[in-house]
Amino acid sequence: MALSLKTPPASLATLMLQDVCDHLRRVAMLDAEPAIAPPDLAHIERLIASAVSALDGPDSKTRRALLTQTWTATFDYFAPELPLLLPPVQSITSVKYVDTDGALQTADDGTYTLHGAASWDPIIAPTYGESWPATRAEAGAVTVEFIAGYGDTVADIPAPLLQAIRQMVAEFYETREGLGWSSPSELPHGVRSLVQPYRIYR
């Protein structure tokens, strides 16, 4: 199974910029006319982006999607259950497959069901009484497009994950050097505690 990003999420680095400036106690009124911003605003935005990348996506520390984003999962064949390894899953956009004649087909919505959308292991499986169609024996014969993420706004993301982002940025902001050999983890202890309940181990 392979995952590929089709539609990226809105930029949390932009959406959280005022909030993080407040957390850092940097004077900022970004919505004012004219805007008031610290001279290192661009640097702060880059730090937020770095923190978000550590917590968002299939290769992140959480292996979760934060803001709404669209992904495709590609499989070589229809297994009884198809795992969508990026929770929470909001919905399935389509299930497409290459039939035995080599034609691309789209499965009817009523023939499959999403299970455990908000769990660690969301899957789709045939609806009761249905079965997966036959596919051609070739790589990537099945493609599932799905929408993942907690929602469209920052407020939809669990508060501990937002606080983890703030604390990571604060750590990056104060500590400009890389971590030394004596560092127990690449995540500060307080951040690890916040993230731990949301981490998915596979």
N, C-alpha and C. Protein backbone atom coordinates (compact mmCIF):
# COMPACT_ATOMS: atom_id res chain seq x y z
N MET A 1 0.84 -1.19 0.00
CA MET A 1 0.00 0.00 0.00
C MET A 1 0.88 1.24 0.00
N ALA A 2 0.53 2.22 -0.81
CA ALA A 2 1.27 3.48 -0.89
C ALA A 2 0.31 4.64 -0.75
N LEU A 3 0.74 5.67 -0.02
CA LEU A 3 -0.06 6.88 0.16
C LEU A 3 0.56 8.03 -0.61
N SER A 4 -0.28 8.83 -1.24
CA SER A 4 0.21 10.04 -1.90
C SER A 4 -0.77 11.18 -1.65
N LEU A 5 -0.21 12.35 -1.41
CA LEU A 5 -1.02 13.53 -1.11
C LEU A 5 -1.57 14.13 -2.40
N LYS A 6 -2.88 14.31 -2.45
CA LYS A 6 -3.51 14.93 -3.62
C LYS A 6 -3.79 16.41 -3.38
N THR A 7 -4.43 16.72 -2.27
CA THR A 7 -4.75 18.11 -1.93
C THR A 7 -4.20 18.43 -0.55
N PRO A 8 -3.18 19.28 -0.44
CA PRO A 8 -2.59 19.57 0.87
C PRO A 8 -3.54 20.37 1.75
N PRO A 9 -3.30 20.33 3.05
CA PRO A 9 -4.13 21.13 3.96
C PRO A 9 -3.78 22.60 3.90
N ALA A 10 -4.66 23.42 4.48
CA ALA A 10 -4.33 24.83 4.65
C ALA A 10 -3.09 24.94 5.54
N SER A 11 -2.39 26.04 5.43
CA SER A 11 -1.13 26.21 6.15
C SER A 11 -1.37 26.54 7.62
N LEU A 12 -1.03 25.60 8.49
CA LEU A 12 -1.11 25.89 9.92
C LEU A 12 -0.08 26.93 10.32
N ALA A 13 1.02 26.99 9.59
CA ALA A 13 2.03 27.99 9.90
C ALA A 13 1.47 29.40 9.76
N THR A 14 0.55 29.58 8.81
CA THR A 14 -0.11 30.87 8.63
C THR A 14 -1.25 31.05 9.63
N LEU A 15 -2.05 30.01 9.79
CA LEU A 15 -3.23 30.12 10.65
C LEU A 15 -2.87 30.29 12.12
N MET A 16 -1.72 29.75 12.53
CA MET A 16 -1.33 29.81 13.95
C MET A 16 -0.33 30.93 14.24
N LEU A 17 -0.02 31.75 13.26
CA LEU A 17 1.07 32.71 13.42
C LEU A 17 0.82 33.69 14.56
N GLN A 18 -0.37 34.28 14.62
CA GLN A 18 -0.67 35.21 15.71
C GLN A 18 -0.64 34.50 17.06
N ASP A 19 -1.25 33.33 17.11
CA ASP A 19 -1.31 32.54 18.34
C ASP A 19 0.09 32.21 18.85
N VAL A 20 0.97 31.81 17.95
CA VAL A 20 2.32 31.43 18.36
C VAL A 20 3.12 32.67 18.77
N CYS A 21 2.94 33.77 18.08
CA CYS A 21 3.60 35.01 18.51
C CYS A 21 3.19 35.37 19.93
N ASP A 22 1.90 35.22 20.22
CA ASP A 22 1.42 35.48 21.59
C ASP A 22 2.10 34.53 22.58
N HIS A 23 2.21 33.26 22.19
CA HIS A 23 2.84 32.27 23.07
C HIS A 23 4.31 32.62 23.33
N LEU A 24 4.97 33.14 22.31
CA LEU A 24 6.38 33.52 22.46
C LEU A 24 6.54 34.88 23.12
N ARG A 25 5.42 35.56 23.37
CA ARG A 25 5.41 36.90 23.94
C ARG A 25 6.14 37.90 23.05
N ARG A 26 5.93 37.70 21.75
CA ARG A 26 6.43 38.65 20.76
C ARG A 26 5.27 39.56 20.37
N VAL A 27 5.49 40.87 20.42
CA VAL A 27 4.43 41.82 20.12
C VAL A 27 4.02 41.67 18.66
N ALA A 28 2.74 41.35 18.46
CA ALA A 28 2.24 41.17 17.10
C ALA A 28 0.75 41.46 17.08
N MET A 29 0.33 42.24 16.10
CA MET A 29 -1.09 42.46 15.82
C MET A 29 -1.23 42.33 14.31
N LEU A 30 -1.28 41.07 13.86
CA LEU A 30 -1.16 40.79 12.44
C LEU A 30 -2.40 41.17 11.65
N ASP A 31 -3.54 41.32 12.33
CA ASP A 31 -4.77 41.69 11.64
C ASP A 31 -5.04 43.20 11.70
N ALA A 32 -4.15 43.92 12.34
CA ALA A 32 -4.36 45.37 12.47
C ALA A 32 -4.03 46.07 11.14
N GLU A 33 -4.50 47.31 11.02
CA GLU A 33 -4.21 48.15 9.85
C GLU A 33 -3.52 49.43 10.32
N PRO A 34 -2.23 49.59 10.11
CA PRO A 34 -1.32 48.61 9.51
C PRO A 34 -0.95 47.51 10.51
N ALA A 35 -0.50 46.39 10.00
CA ALA A 35 -0.14 45.26 10.86
C ALA A 35 1.11 45.58 11.67
N ILE A 36 1.14 45.05 12.88
CA ILE A 36 2.33 45.16 13.73
C ILE A 36 2.92 43.76 13.84
N ALA A 37 4.19 43.61 13.52
CA ALA A 37 4.81 42.28 13.51
C ALA A 37 6.24 42.37 14.02
N PRO A 38 6.72 41.32 14.68
CA PRO A 38 8.12 41.30 15.10
C PRO A 38 9.03 41.18 13.87
N PRO A 39 10.25 41.65 13.96
CA PRO A 39 11.14 41.63 12.78
C PRO A 39 11.49 40.22 12.31
N ASP A 40 11.36 39.25 13.19
CA ASP A 40 11.70 37.87 12.81
C ASP A 40 10.44 37.04 12.53
N LEU A 41 9.38 37.67 12.06
CA LEU A 41 8.12 36.98 11.83
C LEU A 41 8.28 35.82 10.85
N ALA A 42 9.04 36.04 9.78
CA ALA A 42 9.23 34.97 8.79
C ALA A 42 9.92 33.77 9.42
N HIS A 43 10.86 34.04 10.31
CA HIS A 43 11.55 32.95 11.01
C HIS A 43 10.57 32.17 11.88
N ILE A 44 9.70 32.87 12.59
CA ILE A 44 8.71 32.21 13.43
C ILE A 44 7.78 31.34 12.57
N GLU A 45 7.38 31.85 11.43
CA GLU A 45 6.50 31.08 10.54
C GLU A 45 7.19 29.80 10.06
N ARG A 46 8.47 29.89 9.77
CA ARG A 46 9.21 28.69 9.35
C ARG A 46 9.30 27.69 10.48
N LEU A 47 9.46 28.17 11.70
CA LEU A 47 9.52 27.26 12.85
C LEU A 47 8.18 26.55 13.07
N ILE A 48 7.09 27.27 12.87
CA ILE A 48 5.77 26.64 12.99
C ILE A 48 5.63 25.54 11.94
N ALA A 49 6.04 25.83 10.71
CA ALA A 49 5.95 24.83 9.65
C ALA A 49 6.77 23.59 9.99
N SER A 50 7.93 23.78 10.59
CA SER A 50 8.76 22.65 10.99
C SER A 50 8.08 21.83 12.08
N ALA A 51 7.48 22.52 13.05
CA ALA A 51 6.79 21.82 14.14
C ALA A 51 5.59 21.04 13.60
N VAL A 52 4.84 21.66 12.71
CA VAL A 52 3.67 20.99 12.14
C VAL A 52 4.09 19.75 11.36
N SER A 53 5.17 19.84 10.61
CA SER A 53 5.61 18.70 9.81
C SER A 53 6.00 17.51 10.68
N ALA A 54 6.39 17.80 11.94
CA ALA A 54 6.74 16.71 12.85
C ALA A 54 5.52 15.98 13.39
N LEU A 55 4.34 16.60 13.26
CA LEU A 55 3.12 16.02 13.86
C LEU A 55 2.03 15.71 12.84
N ASP A 56 2.21 16.10 11.60
CA ASP A 56 1.15 15.96 10.60
C ASP A 56 1.61 15.09 9.44
N GLY A 57 0.82 14.08 9.10
CA GLY A 57 1.13 13.27 7.93
C GLY A 57 1.54 11.85 8.26
N PRO A 58 1.60 10.98 7.26
CA PRO A 58 1.86 9.56 7.50
C PRO A 58 3.25 9.26 8.02
N ASP A 59 4.21 10.15 7.81
CA ASP A 59 5.57 9.92 8.28
C ASP A 59 5.91 10.74 9.53
N SER A 60 4.91 11.34 10.14
CA SER A 60 5.14 12.20 11.30
C SER A 60 5.16 11.38 12.59
N LYS A 61 5.38 12.06 13.71
CA LYS A 61 5.38 11.40 15.01
C LYS A 61 4.01 10.85 15.39
N THR A 62 2.95 11.47 14.90
CA THR A 62 1.61 11.00 15.24
C THR A 62 1.03 10.06 14.19
N ARG A 63 1.50 10.19 12.95
CA ARG A 63 0.93 9.45 11.80
C ARG A 63 -0.56 9.75 11.66
N ARG A 64 -0.90 11.00 11.90
CA ARG A 64 -2.27 11.49 11.76
C ARG A 64 -2.31 12.70 10.83
N ALA A 65 -3.51 13.00 10.34
CA ALA A 65 -3.73 14.22 9.58
C ALA A 65 -4.36 15.25 10.51
N LEU A 66 -3.88 16.46 10.46
CA LEU A 66 -4.41 17.51 11.34
C LEU A 66 -5.55 18.26 10.63
N LEU A 67 -5.24 19.18 9.75
CA LEU A 67 -6.29 19.87 9.00
C LEU A 67 -6.73 19.02 7.80
N THR A 68 -7.90 19.33 7.28
CA THR A 68 -8.48 18.59 6.15
C THR A 68 -7.52 18.52 4.97
N GLN A 69 -7.34 17.32 4.43
CA GLN A 69 -6.44 17.07 3.31
C GLN A 69 -6.90 15.82 2.56
N THR A 70 -6.60 15.75 1.28
CA THR A 70 -7.03 14.63 0.46
C THR A 70 -5.85 13.76 0.06
N TRP A 71 -6.01 12.45 0.23
CA TRP A 71 -4.96 11.49 -0.06
C TRP A 71 -5.48 10.38 -0.97
N THR A 72 -4.56 9.72 -1.66
CA THR A 72 -4.89 8.50 -2.38
C THR A 72 -4.06 7.36 -1.82
N ALA A 73 -4.73 6.23 -1.60
CA ALA A 73 -4.07 5.01 -1.15
C ALA A 73 -4.13 4.02 -2.30
N THR A 74 -2.99 3.47 -2.68
CA THR A 74 -2.91 2.56 -3.81
C THR A 74 -2.57 1.15 -3.34
N PHE A 75 -3.32 0.19 -3.85
CA PHE A 75 -3.14 -1.22 -3.50
C PHE A 75 -2.98 -2.04 -4.78
N ASP A 76 -2.34 -3.19 -4.66
CA ASP A 76 -2.16 -4.06 -5.83
C ASP A 76 -3.40 -4.91 -6.10
N TYR A 77 -4.24 -5.08 -5.08
CA TYR A 77 -5.44 -5.91 -5.23
C TYR A 77 -6.40 -5.57 -4.10
N PHE A 78 -7.62 -6.07 -4.18
CA PHE A 78 -8.61 -5.90 -3.13
C PHE A 78 -8.39 -6.95 -2.05
N ALA A 79 -7.91 -6.54 -0.89
CA ALA A 79 -7.88 -7.41 0.29
C ALA A 79 -9.26 -7.35 0.95
N PRO A 80 -9.59 -8.29 1.84
CA PRO A 80 -10.89 -8.22 2.52
C PRO A 80 -11.12 -6.87 3.20
N GLU A 81 -10.04 -6.28 3.76
CA GLU A 81 -10.11 -4.95 4.36
C GLU A 81 -8.97 -4.13 3.79
N LEU A 82 -9.25 -2.89 3.43
CA LEU A 82 -8.23 -1.99 2.92
C LEU A 82 -7.91 -0.95 3.98
N PRO A 83 -6.69 -0.95 4.53
CA PRO A 83 -6.34 0.01 5.57
C PRO A 83 -6.05 1.39 5.00
N LEU A 84 -6.56 2.40 5.67
CA LEU A 84 -6.27 3.79 5.32
C LEU A 84 -5.45 4.37 6.46
N LEU A 85 -4.15 4.33 6.32
CA LEU A 85 -3.25 4.55 7.44
C LEU A 85 -2.99 6.01 7.73
N LEU A 86 -4.04 6.82 7.76
CA LEU A 86 -3.88 8.22 8.10
C LEU A 86 -5.17 8.73 8.75
N PRO A 87 -5.42 8.39 10.00
CA PRO A 87 -6.63 8.88 10.66
C PRO A 87 -6.48 10.32 11.11
N PRO A 88 -7.60 10.97 11.47
CA PRO A 88 -8.97 10.48 11.28
C PRO A 88 -9.41 10.65 9.82
N VAL A 89 -10.21 9.70 9.34
CA VAL A 89 -10.72 9.76 7.97
C VAL A 89 -12.11 10.38 8.00
N GLN A 90 -12.29 11.44 7.23
CA GLN A 90 -13.60 12.10 7.19
C GLN A 90 -14.56 11.39 6.24
N SER A 91 -14.07 11.01 5.07
CA SER A 91 -14.95 10.38 4.08
C SER A 91 -14.12 9.73 2.98
N ILE A 92 -14.77 8.86 2.23
CA ILE A 92 -14.18 8.24 1.05
C ILE A 92 -14.70 8.97 -0.18
N THR A 93 -13.81 9.46 -1.01
CA THR A 93 -14.20 10.16 -2.23
C THR A 93 -14.52 9.16 -3.34
N SER A 94 -13.66 8.17 -3.51
CA SER A 94 -13.89 7.19 -4.57
C SER A 94 -13.03 5.96 -4.34
N VAL A 95 -13.48 4.84 -4.89
CA VAL A 95 -12.70 3.61 -4.96
C VAL A 95 -12.66 3.22 -6.44
N LYS A 96 -11.47 3.25 -7.01
CA LYS A 96 -11.32 2.92 -8.43
C LYS A 96 -10.43 1.69 -8.58
N TYR A 97 -10.65 0.94 -9.65
CA TYR A 97 -9.88 -0.28 -9.86
C TYR A 97 -9.78 -0.59 -11.35
N VAL A 98 -8.75 -1.35 -11.69
CA VAL A 98 -8.57 -1.82 -13.06
C VAL A 98 -9.18 -3.20 -13.16
N ASP A 99 -10.21 -3.34 -13.97
CA ASP A 99 -10.89 -4.64 -14.07
C ASP A 99 -10.06 -5.62 -14.88
N THR A 100 -10.56 -6.84 -14.99
CA THR A 100 -9.79 -7.91 -15.64
C THR A 100 -9.55 -7.64 -17.12
N ASP A 101 -10.30 -6.73 -17.72
CA ASP A 101 -10.09 -6.36 -19.12
C ASP A 101 -9.14 -5.18 -19.28
N GLY A 102 -8.69 -4.63 -18.14
CA GLY A 102 -7.76 -3.51 -18.18
C GLY A 102 -8.42 -2.15 -18.20
N ALA A 103 -9.73 -2.10 -17.99
CA ALA A 103 -10.46 -0.82 -17.98
C ALA A 103 -10.56 -0.28 -16.55
N LEU A 104 -10.44 1.03 -16.42
CA LEU A 104 -10.56 1.66 -15.11
C LEU A 104 -12.04 1.81 -14.76
N GLN A 105 -12.41 1.30 -13.58
CA GLN A 105 -13.80 1.34 -13.11
C GLN A 105 -13.87 2.05 -11.77
N THR A 106 -15.06 2.54 -11.44
CA THR A 106 -15.31 3.16 -10.14
C THR A 106 -16.35 2.33 -9.40
N ALA A 107 -16.01 1.88 -8.20
CA ALA A 107 -16.94 1.07 -7.41
C ALA A 107 -18.11 1.93 -6.95
N ASP A 108 -19.28 1.34 -6.92
CA ASP A 108 -20.47 2.03 -6.43
C ASP A 108 -20.34 2.33 -4.94
N ASP A 109 -20.78 3.52 -4.53
CA ASP A 109 -20.65 3.92 -3.12
C ASP A 109 -21.28 2.93 -2.17
N GLY A 110 -22.37 2.31 -2.57
CA GLY A 110 -23.08 1.41 -1.67
C GLY A 110 -22.44 0.05 -1.49
N THR A 111 -21.37 -0.22 -2.23
CA THR A 111 -20.75 -1.55 -2.14
C THR A 111 -19.65 -1.64 -1.10
N TYR A 112 -19.29 -0.51 -0.49
CA TYR A 112 -18.24 -0.54 0.53
C TYR A 112 -18.60 0.40 1.67
N THR A 113 -17.98 0.15 2.83
CA THR A 113 -18.27 0.92 4.04
C THR A 113 -16.98 1.29 4.74
N LEU A 114 -16.93 2.50 5.26
CA LEU A 114 -15.80 2.95 6.07
C LEU A 114 -16.03 2.54 7.52
N HIS A 115 -15.04 1.91 8.13
CA HIS A 115 -15.13 1.48 9.52
C HIS A 115 -14.00 2.14 10.33
N GLY A 116 -14.32 2.53 11.57
CA GLY A 116 -13.30 3.09 12.46
C GLY A 116 -12.67 4.36 11.94
N ALA A 117 -13.49 5.26 11.44
CA ALA A 117 -12.97 6.48 10.81
C ALA A 117 -12.04 7.27 11.73
N ALA A 118 -12.37 7.34 13.02
CA ALA A 118 -11.57 8.13 13.95
C ALA A 118 -10.62 7.26 14.78
N SER A 119 -10.58 5.96 14.50
CA SER A 119 -9.74 5.06 15.26
C SER A 119 -8.30 5.09 14.76
N TRP A 120 -7.45 4.31 15.39
CA TRP A 120 -6.06 4.22 14.94
C TRP A 120 -5.95 3.53 13.59
N ASP A 121 -6.90 2.66 13.27
CA ASP A 121 -6.82 1.86 12.05
C ASP A 121 -8.11 1.90 11.25
N PRO A 122 -8.40 3.02 10.61
CA PRO A 122 -9.58 3.07 9.75
C PRO A 122 -9.41 2.14 8.54
N ILE A 123 -10.50 1.49 8.18
CA ILE A 123 -10.46 0.58 7.03
C ILE A 123 -11.74 0.77 6.21
N ILE A 124 -11.69 0.30 4.96
CA ILE A 124 -12.92 0.14 4.20
C ILE A 124 -13.04 -1.33 3.83
N ALA A 125 -14.26 -1.81 3.81
CA ALA A 125 -14.54 -3.21 3.52
C ALA A 125 -15.86 -3.28 2.77
N PRO A 126 -16.11 -4.39 2.07
CA PRO A 126 -17.39 -4.52 1.38
C PRO A 126 -18.57 -4.41 2.34
N THR A 127 -19.60 -3.74 1.91
CA THR A 127 -20.84 -3.68 2.67
C THR A 127 -21.41 -5.09 2.78
N TYR A 128 -22.14 -5.34 3.85
CA TYR A 128 -22.72 -6.68 4.07
C TYR A 128 -23.49 -7.12 2.83
N GLY A 129 -23.19 -8.33 2.36
CA GLY A 129 -23.85 -8.85 1.17
C GLY A 129 -23.16 -8.50 -0.13
N GLU A 130 -22.12 -7.65 -0.06
CA GLU A 130 -21.37 -7.26 -1.26
C GLU A 130 -19.99 -7.92 -1.23
N SER A 131 -19.30 -7.85 -2.33
CA SER A 131 -17.92 -8.35 -2.41
C SER A 131 -17.14 -7.46 -3.35
N TRP A 132 -15.83 -7.45 -3.17
CA TRP A 132 -14.99 -6.66 -4.05
C TRP A 132 -14.99 -7.25 -5.46
N PRO A 133 -14.92 -6.43 -6.48
CA PRO A 133 -14.85 -6.95 -7.86
C PRO A 133 -13.46 -7.53 -8.16
N ALA A 134 -13.39 -8.33 -9.20
CA ALA A 134 -12.12 -8.88 -9.65
C ALA A 134 -11.29 -7.78 -10.31
N THR A 135 -9.98 -7.86 -10.14
CA THR A 135 -9.09 -6.86 -10.72
C THR A 135 -8.02 -7.54 -11.56
N ARG A 136 -7.41 -6.76 -12.40
CA ARG A 136 -6.28 -7.26 -13.18
C ARG A 136 -5.08 -7.41 -12.25
N ALA A 137 -4.28 -8.44 -12.47
CA ALA A 137 -3.11 -8.69 -11.62
C ALA A 137 -1.97 -7.77 -12.04
N GLU A 138 -2.02 -6.54 -11.55
CA GLU A 138 -0.97 -5.57 -11.84
C GLU A 138 -0.79 -4.65 -10.66
N ALA A 139 0.38 -4.06 -10.57
CA ALA A 139 0.69 -3.16 -9.47
C ALA A 139 -0.23 -1.94 -9.51
N GLY A 140 -0.73 -1.54 -8.34
CA GLY A 140 -1.55 -0.34 -8.24
C GLY A 140 -2.91 -0.48 -8.89
N ALA A 141 -3.47 -1.69 -8.87
CA ALA A 141 -4.76 -1.92 -9.54
C ALA A 141 -5.92 -1.25 -8.82
N VAL A 142 -5.76 -0.94 -7.55
CA VAL A 142 -6.84 -0.36 -6.75
C VAL A 142 -6.38 0.98 -6.18
N THR A 143 -7.20 2.00 -6.31
CA THR A 143 -6.89 3.32 -5.77
C THR A 143 -8.07 3.85 -4.98
N VAL A 144 -7.82 4.19 -3.73
CA VAL A 144 -8.84 4.76 -2.86
C VAL A 144 -8.48 6.22 -2.59
N GLU A 145 -9.38 7.13 -2.92
CA GLU A 145 -9.18 8.53 -2.60
C GLU A 145 -10.02 8.87 -1.38
N PHE A 146 -9.41 9.50 -0.38
CA PHE A 146 -10.14 9.79 0.84
C PHE A 146 -9.72 11.13 1.42
N ILE A 147 -10.60 11.68 2.25
CA ILE A 147 -10.35 12.95 2.92
C ILE A 147 -10.05 12.66 4.39
N ALA A 148 -8.95 13.19 4.87
CA ALA A 148 -8.51 12.95 6.25
C ALA A 148 -8.35 14.28 6.97
N GLY A 149 -8.24 14.20 8.29
CA GLY A 149 -8.02 15.40 9.10
C GLY A 149 -9.14 15.63 10.09
N TYR A 150 -8.83 16.42 11.13
CA TYR A 150 -9.81 16.70 12.18
C TYR A 150 -10.86 17.71 11.72
N GLY A 151 -10.55 18.54 10.75
CA GLY A 151 -11.50 19.55 10.29
C GLY A 151 -10.78 20.64 9.52
N ASP A 152 -11.54 21.68 9.19
CA ASP A 152 -11.02 22.75 8.34
C ASP A 152 -10.37 23.89 9.11
N THR A 153 -10.55 23.95 10.40
CA THR A 153 -10.04 25.08 11.18
C THR A 153 -9.11 24.61 12.29
N VAL A 154 -8.32 25.54 12.79
CA VAL A 154 -7.41 25.24 13.90
C VAL A 154 -8.19 24.72 15.10
N ALA A 155 -9.38 25.27 15.33
CA ALA A 155 -10.18 24.87 16.49
C ALA A 155 -10.60 23.41 16.44
N ASP A 156 -10.57 22.79 15.25
CA ASP A 156 -10.96 21.39 15.13
C ASP A 156 -9.87 20.44 15.61
N ILE A 157 -8.65 20.91 15.67
CA ILE A 157 -7.51 20.06 16.07
C ILE A 157 -7.50 19.92 17.59
N PRO A 158 -7.25 18.72 18.12
CA PRO A 158 -7.21 18.55 19.58
C PRO A 158 -6.24 19.53 20.24
N ALA A 159 -6.68 20.09 21.36
CA ALA A 159 -5.89 21.11 22.06
C ALA A 159 -4.49 20.64 22.43
N PRO A 160 -4.30 19.39 22.87
CA PRO A 160 -2.93 18.97 23.20
C PRO A 160 -1.97 19.03 22.01
N LEU A 161 -2.46 18.73 20.81
CA LEU A 161 -1.59 18.80 19.64
C LEU A 161 -1.24 20.24 19.29
N LEU A 162 -2.20 21.14 19.46
CA LEU A 162 -1.91 22.57 19.23
C LEU A 162 -0.88 23.07 20.25
N GLN A 163 -1.05 22.66 21.50
CA GLN A 163 -0.08 23.08 22.52
C GLN A 163 1.29 22.48 22.24
N ALA A 164 1.33 21.27 21.72
CA ALA A 164 2.61 20.66 21.36
C ALA A 164 3.31 21.48 20.28
N ILE A 165 2.56 21.96 19.31
CA ILE A 165 3.14 22.81 18.27
C ILE A 165 3.71 24.08 18.87
N ARG A 166 2.94 24.73 19.76
CA ARG A 166 3.41 25.96 20.40
C ARG A 166 4.71 25.70 21.17
N GLN A 167 4.74 24.61 21.93
CA GLN A 167 5.92 24.33 22.74
C GLN A 167 7.12 23.96 21.88
N MET A 168 6.88 23.25 20.80
CA MET A 168 7.99 22.93 19.91
C MET A 168 8.58 24.20 19.30
N VAL A 169 7.72 25.11 18.87
CA VAL A 169 8.21 26.37 18.31
C VAL A 169 9.01 27.15 19.35
N ALA A 170 8.50 27.18 20.57
CA ALA A 170 9.22 27.88 21.64
C ALA A 170 10.61 27.27 21.86
N GLU A 171 10.67 25.94 21.81
CA GLU A 171 11.95 25.25 21.97
C GLU A 171 12.89 25.58 20.81
N PHE A 172 12.37 25.53 19.58
CA PHE A 172 13.19 25.87 18.42
C PHE A 172 13.66 27.32 18.49
N TYR A 173 12.76 28.19 18.96
CA TYR A 173 13.05 29.62 18.98
C TYR A 173 14.16 29.95 19.97
N GLU A 174 14.14 29.28 21.12
CA GLU A 174 15.13 29.56 22.17
C GLU A 174 16.43 28.79 21.94
N THR A 175 16.33 27.62 21.31
CA THR A 175 17.51 26.78 21.12
C THR A 175 17.83 26.74 19.63
N ARG A 176 18.74 27.55 19.21
CA ARG A 176 19.05 27.65 17.78
C ARG A 176 19.96 26.52 17.30
N GLU A 177 20.67 25.84 18.23
CA GLU A 177 21.57 24.77 17.82
C GLU A 177 20.80 23.45 17.74
N GLY A 178 21.41 22.48 17.05
CA GLY A 178 20.84 21.14 17.00
C GLY A 178 20.97 20.45 18.34
N LEU A 179 20.24 19.37 18.52
CA LEU A 179 20.29 18.62 19.76
C LEU A 179 21.63 17.90 19.89
N GLY A 180 22.14 17.88 21.10
CA GLY A 180 23.41 17.20 21.34
C GLY A 180 23.23 15.72 21.62
N TRP A 181 24.35 15.02 21.73
CA TRP A 181 24.29 13.58 21.96
C TRP A 181 23.62 13.24 23.28
N SER A 182 23.67 14.15 24.24
CA SER A 182 23.09 13.87 25.55
C SER A 182 21.59 14.07 25.59
N SER A 183 20.99 14.60 24.50
CA SER A 183 19.55 14.87 24.49
C SER A 183 18.78 13.55 24.49
N PRO A 184 17.80 13.37 25.40
CA PRO A 184 17.09 12.10 25.50
C PRO A 184 16.12 11.85 24.35
N SER A 185 15.69 12.88 23.65
CA SER A 185 14.71 12.70 22.58
C SER A 185 14.73 13.93 21.70
N GLU A 186 14.30 13.75 20.43
CA GLU A 186 14.22 14.91 19.56
C GLU A 186 13.02 15.78 19.88
N LEU A 187 12.10 15.29 20.71
CA LEU A 187 10.97 16.08 21.18
C LEU A 187 11.18 16.44 22.64
N PRO A 188 10.96 17.69 23.02
CA PRO A 188 11.05 18.06 24.43
C PRO A 188 10.08 17.22 25.27
N HIS A 189 10.42 17.02 26.54
CA HIS A 189 9.62 16.14 27.39
C HIS A 189 8.16 16.57 27.44
N GLY A 190 7.89 17.86 27.62
CA GLY A 190 6.51 18.31 27.69
C GLY A 190 5.75 18.03 26.41
N VAL A 191 6.43 18.15 25.27
CA VAL A 191 5.80 17.87 23.99
C VAL A 191 5.51 16.38 23.86
N ARG A 192 6.45 15.56 24.27
CA ARG A 192 6.24 14.10 24.20
C ARG A 192 5.01 13.69 25.01
N SER A 193 4.82 14.31 26.16
CA SER A 193 3.67 13.99 26.99
C SER A 193 2.36 14.38 26.32
N LEU A 194 2.36 15.51 25.64
CA LEU A 194 1.16 15.98 24.95
C LEU A 194 0.83 15.10 23.75
N VAL A 195 1.86 14.67 23.04
CA VAL A 195 1.67 13.92 21.79
C VAL A 195 1.39 12.45 22.04
N GLN A 196 1.91 11.92 23.14
CA GLN A 196 1.86 10.47 23.39
C GLN A 196 0.48 9.84 23.16
N PRO A 197 -0.61 10.41 23.68
CA PRO A 197 -1.92 9.76 23.48
C PRO A 197 -2.37 9.69 22.02
N TYR A 198 -1.74 10.48 21.16
CA TYR A 198 -2.15 10.54 19.75
C TYR A 198 -1.22 9.77 18.83
N ARG A 199 -0.12 9.23 19.38
CA ARG A 199 0.84 8.52 18.55
C ARG A 199 0.29 7.17 18.13
N ILE A 200 0.57 6.81 16.89
CA ILE A 200 0.16 5.52 16.34
C ILE A 200 1.42 4.72 16.03
N TYR A 201 1.49 3.52 16.56
CA TYR A 201 2.65 2.66 16.37
C TYR A 201 2.29 1.53 15.41
N ARG A 202 3.06 1.38 14.36
CA ARG A 202 2.85 0.28 13.42
C ARG A 202 4.18 -0.37 13.09
